[in-house]
C-alpha atoms as a PDB file:
ATOM      1  CA  MET A   1       0.000   0.000   0.000  1.00  0.00           C
ATOM      2  CA  TYR A   2       2.795   2.382   0.973  1.00  0.00           C
ATOM      3  CA  LYS A   3       4.626   1.650  -2.295  1.00  0.00           C
ATOM      4  CA  LYS A   4       1.556   2.550  -4.392  1.00  0.00           C
ATOM      5  CA  TYR A   5       1.253   5.967  -2.720  1.00  0.00           C
ATOM      6  CA  LEU A   6       4.961   6.593  -3.083  1.00  0.00           C
ATOM      7  CA  ILE A   7       4.917   5.684  -6.776  1.00  0.00           C
ATOM      8  CA  ALA A   8       1.833   7.864  -7.374  1.00  0.00           C
ATOM      9  CA  LEU A   9       3.512  10.774  -5.576  1.00  0.00           C
ATOM     10  CA  ILE A  10       6.719  10.445  -7.600  1.00  0.00           C
ATOM     11  CA  VAL A  11       4.824  10.196 -10.898  1.00  0.00           C
ATOM     12  CA  SER A  12       2.711  13.260 -10.072  1.00  0.00           C
ATOM     13  CA  PHE A  13       5.844  15.296  -9.239  1.00  0.00           C
ATOM     14  CA  LEU A  14       7.428  14.228 -12.516  1.00  0.00           C
ATOM     15  CA  PHE A  15       4.386  15.385 -14.493  1.00  0.00           C
ATOM     16  CA  MET A  16       4.166  18.670 -12.584  1.00  0.00           C
ATOM     17  CA  GLY A  17       7.855  19.266 -13.245  1.00  0.00           C
ATOM     18  CA  GLN A  18       7.129  19.231 -16.986  1.00  0.00           C
ATOM     19  CA  PHE A  19       4.966  22.350 -16.642  1.00  0.00           C
ATOM     20  CA  VAL A  20       7.147  24.419 -14.329  1.00  0.00           C
ATOM     21  CA  HIS A  21       9.190  27.137 -16.021  1.00  0.00           C
ATOM     22  CA  ALA A  22      11.695  28.882 -13.791  1.00  0.00           C
ATOM     23  CA  THR A  23      11.506  32.678 -13.734  1.00  0.00           C
ATOM     24  CA  CYS A  24      12.257  35.334 -11.170  1.00  0.00           C
ATOM     25  CA  GLY A  25       8.628  35.190 -10.045  1.00  0.00           C
ATOM     26  CA  SER A  26       7.575  38.705 -10.993  1.00  0.00           C
ATOM     27  CA  CYS A  27       7.862  38.390 -14.762  1.00  0.00           C
ATOM     28  CA  PRO A  28       6.712  35.771 -17.237  1.00  0.00           C
ATOM     29  CA  GLY A  29       9.362  33.544 -18.744  1.00  0.00           C
ATOM     30  CA  ASP A  30       9.993  33.673 -22.474  1.00  0.00           C
ATOM     31  CA  LYS A  31      10.473  30.149 -23.779  1.00  0.00           C
ATOM     32  CA  LYS A  32      11.157  31.431 -27.304  1.00  0.00           C
ATOM     33  CA  ASP A  33      14.082  33.630 -26.258  1.00  0.00           C
ATOM     34  CA  VAL A  34      16.806  31.016 -25.878  1.00  0.00           C
ATOM     35  CA  LYS A  35      20.312  32.316 -25.280  1.00  0.00           C
ATOM     36  CA  SER A  36      23.392  30.559 -26.568  1.00  0.00           C
ATOM     37  CA  ALA A  37      26.847  30.710 -25.064  1.00  0.00           C
ATOM     38  CA  PHE A  38      28.333  30.623 -28.568  1.00  0.00           C
ATOM     39  CA  ILE A  39      28.418  33.162 -31.376  1.00  0.00           C
ATOM     40  CA  GLU A  40      25.618  32.083 -33.727  1.00  0.00           C
ATOM     41  CA  GLU A  41      25.400  34.904 -36.278  1.00  0.00           C
ATOM     42  CA  ILE A  42      27.793  37.305 -37.954  1.00  0.00           C
ATOM     43  CA  PRO A  43      26.729  40.972 -37.711  1.00  0.00           C
ATOM     44  CA  GLU A  44      26.885  43.183 -40.822  1.00  0.00           C
ATOM     45  CA  SER A  45      30.064  44.802 -39.519  1.00  0.00           C
ATOM     46  CA  GLY A  46      31.704  41.364 -39.442  1.00  0.00           C
ATOM     47  CA  LYS A  47      33.131  42.039 -35.976  1.00  0.00           C
ATOM     48  CA  ILE A  48      32.791  39.167 -33.537  1.00  0.00           C
ATOM     49  CA  ASN A  49      33.684  38.712 -29.894  1.00  0.00           C
ATOM     50  CA  GLY A  50      32.752  35.574 -27.966  1.00  0.00           C
ATOM     51  CA  LYS A  51      32.919  31.800 -27.851  1.00  0.00           C
ATOM     52  CA  ALA A  52      33.153  29.542 -30.880  1.00  0.00           C
ATOM     53  CA  LEU A  53      34.220  26.017 -31.761  1.00  0.00           C
ATOM     54  CA  ALA A  54      37.691  25.654 -33.271  1.00  0.00           C
ATOM     55  CA  SER A  55      39.496  22.754 -34.887  1.00  0.00           C
ATOM     56  CA  CYS A  56      41.347  21.751 -38.015  1.00  0.00           C
ATOM     57  CA  GLY A  57      39.194  22.717 -40.982  1.00  0.00           C
ATOM     58  CA  MET A  58      40.289  19.793 -43.148  1.00  0.00           C
ATOM     59  CA  CYS A  59      40.340  17.065 -40.455  1.00  0.00           C
ATOM     60  CA  ASN A  60      37.223  17.878 -38.415  1.00  0.00           C
ATOM     61  CA  PHE A  61      35.100  20.442 -40.260  1.00  0.00           C
ATOM     62  CA  ASP A  62      35.344  18.788 -43.718  1.00  0.00           C
ATOM     63  CA  THR A  63      36.505  21.906 -45.551  1.00  0.00           C
ATOM     64  CA  ASP A  64      38.061  21.654 -49.004  1.00  0.00           C
ATOM     65  CA  ASP A  65      41.486  22.724 -47.711  1.00  0.00           C
ATOM     66  CA  LYS A  66      44.518  20.866 -49.077  1.00  0.00           C
ATOM     67  CA  SER A  67      46.363  20.957 -45.735  1.00  0.00           C
ATOM     68  CA  CYS A  68      45.664  21.277 -42.025  1.00  0.00           C
ATOM     69  CA  GLY A  69      44.628  24.745 -40.956  1.00  0.00           C
ATOM     70  CA  LEU A  70      42.835  26.325 -38.022  1.00  0.00           C
ATOM     71  CA  ALA A  71      39.134  27.021 -38.529  1.00  0.00           C
ATOM     72  CA  VAL A  72      36.224  28.184 -36.383  1.00  0.00           C
ATOM     73  CA  LYS A  73      32.586  27.200 -36.618  1.00  0.00           C
ATOM     74  CA  ILE A  74      30.102  30.020 -36.140  1.00  0.00           C
ATOM     75  CA  GLY A  75      26.502  28.957 -36.546  1.00  0.00           C
ATOM     76  CA  HIS A  76      26.533  26.639 -39.550  1.00  0.00           C
ATOM     77  CA  HIS A  77      29.470  28.366 -41.241  1.00  0.00           C
ATOM     78  CA  ILE A  78      33.162  27.454 -41.127  1.00  0.00           C
ATOM     79  CA  PHE A  79      35.795  30.202 -41.368  1.00  0.00           C
ATOM     80  CA  SER A  80      39.560  29.808 -41.784  1.00  0.00           C
ATOM     81  CA  VAL A  81      41.493  31.663 -39.083  1.00  0.00           C
ATOM     82  CA  GLU A  82      44.209  34.106 -40.083  1.00  0.00           C
ATOM     83  CA  ASN A  83      46.830  35.487 -37.661  1.00  0.00           C
ATOM     84  CA  VAL A  84      46.858  32.253 -35.586  1.00  0.00           C
ATOM     85  CA  ASN A  85      48.918  29.150 -36.409  1.00  0.00           C
ATOM     86  CA  ILE A  86      47.273  25.749 -35.878  1.00  0.00           C
ATOM     87  CA  ASP A  87      50.352  24.570 -33.920  1.00  0.00           C
ATOM     88  CA  GLU A  88      50.481  27.641 -31.672  1.00  0.00           C
ATOM     89  CA  TYR A  89      48.682  25.989 -28.728  1.00  0.00           C
ATOM     90  CA  SER A  90      49.952  22.424 -29.125  1.00  0.00           C
ATOM     91  CA  ASP A  91      51.080  20.077 -31.871  1.00  0.00           C
ATOM     92  CA  SER A  92      48.053  19.867 -34.147  1.00  0.00           C
ATOM     93  CA  HIS A  93      48.475  16.097 -34.584  1.00  0.00           C
ATOM     94  CA  ALA A  94      48.941  15.354 -30.871  1.00  0.00           C
ATOM     95  CA  LYS A  95      46.206  13.514 -28.986  1.00  0.00           C
ATOM     96  CA  ASP A  96      44.733  16.839 -27.820  1.00  0.00           C
ATOM     97  CA  GLY A  97      45.693  18.839 -30.929  1.00  0.00           C
ATOM     98  CA  PHE A  98      43.296  20.637 -33.237  1.00  0.00           C
ATOM     99  CA  CYS A  99      43.425  17.837 -35.841  1.00  0.00           C
ATOM    100  CA  ASN A 100      42.008  15.386 -33.294  1.00  0.00           C
ATOM    101  CA  VAL A 101      39.638  17.453 -31.152  1.00  0.00           C
ATOM    102  CA  VAL A 102      37.181  20.318 -31.449  1.00  0.00           C
ATOM    103  CA  ARG A 103      37.795  22.903 -28.729  1.00  0.00           C
ATOM    104  CA  VAL A 104      35.927  25.884 -27.317  1.00  0.00           C
ATOM    105  CA  VAL A 105      37.759  29.163 -27.890  1.00  0.00           C
ATOM    106  CA  ASN A 106      37.261  32.809 -27.055  1.00  0.00           C
ATOM    107  CA  VAL A 107      37.775  34.766 -30.224  1.00  0.00           C
ATOM    108  CA  LYS A 108      37.721  38.421 -31.155  1.00  0.00           C
ATOM    109  CA  GLY A 109      38.194  39.651 -34.679  1.00  0.00           C
ATOM    110  CA  LYS A 110      36.566  40.391 -37.997  1.00  0.00           C
ATOM    111  CA  ILE A 111      35.094  38.120 -40.654  1.00  0.00           C
ATOM    112  CA  LYS A 112      36.072  39.193 -44.160  1.00  0.00           C
ATOM    113  CA  ASN A 113      36.037  37.152 -47.394  1.00  0.00           C
ATOM    114  CA  ASN A 114      35.079  33.955 -45.505  1.00  0.00           C
ATOM    115  CA  LYS A 115      38.112  34.263 -43.227  1.00  0.00           C
ATOM    116  CA  LEU A 116      38.383  35.258 -39.597  1.00  0.00           C
ATOM    117  CA  TYR A 117      41.119  37.801 -38.999  1.00  0.00           C
ATOM    118  CA  ALA A 118      41.682  37.213 -35.290  1.00  0.00           C
ATOM    119  CA  ASP A 119      42.709  40.053 -32.993  1.00  0.00           C
ATOM    120  CA  SER A 120      42.681  37.666 -30.030  1.00  0.00           C
ATOM    121  CA  PHE A 121      42.264  33.897 -29.826  1.00  0.00           C
ATOM    122  CA  SER A 122      42.394  31.896 -26.600  1.00  0.00           C
ATOM    123  CA  VAL A 123      41.673  28.236 -26.000  1.00  0.00           C
ATOM    124  CA  LYS A 124      39.421  27.243 -23.104  1.00  0.00           C
END
């Protein structure tokens, strides 16, 4: 008998949890306004500043490059990175190198002619 009540209580809490949307309490939550930690769009100015995914364009992002080169993924677009060497942070072909892993980076720079001209580039 006790088990039936416990199961019913757990199930009811699970269903109620589906309808709860956390807000501050004084304002309605906006389920459509989802924020992303990553840069998703390129502004008209081309200037970006934020987090992106970086890796070897040829090895991991399937670009048409003929050799290994650093690239970032912003939204659904892949951009080659200028001003930063793929081996600058570690050997690109090492176990944790850009040819073997995709890493989160903080990047600041400008997109021009499908290339990212990086002013700053740091690996997380």
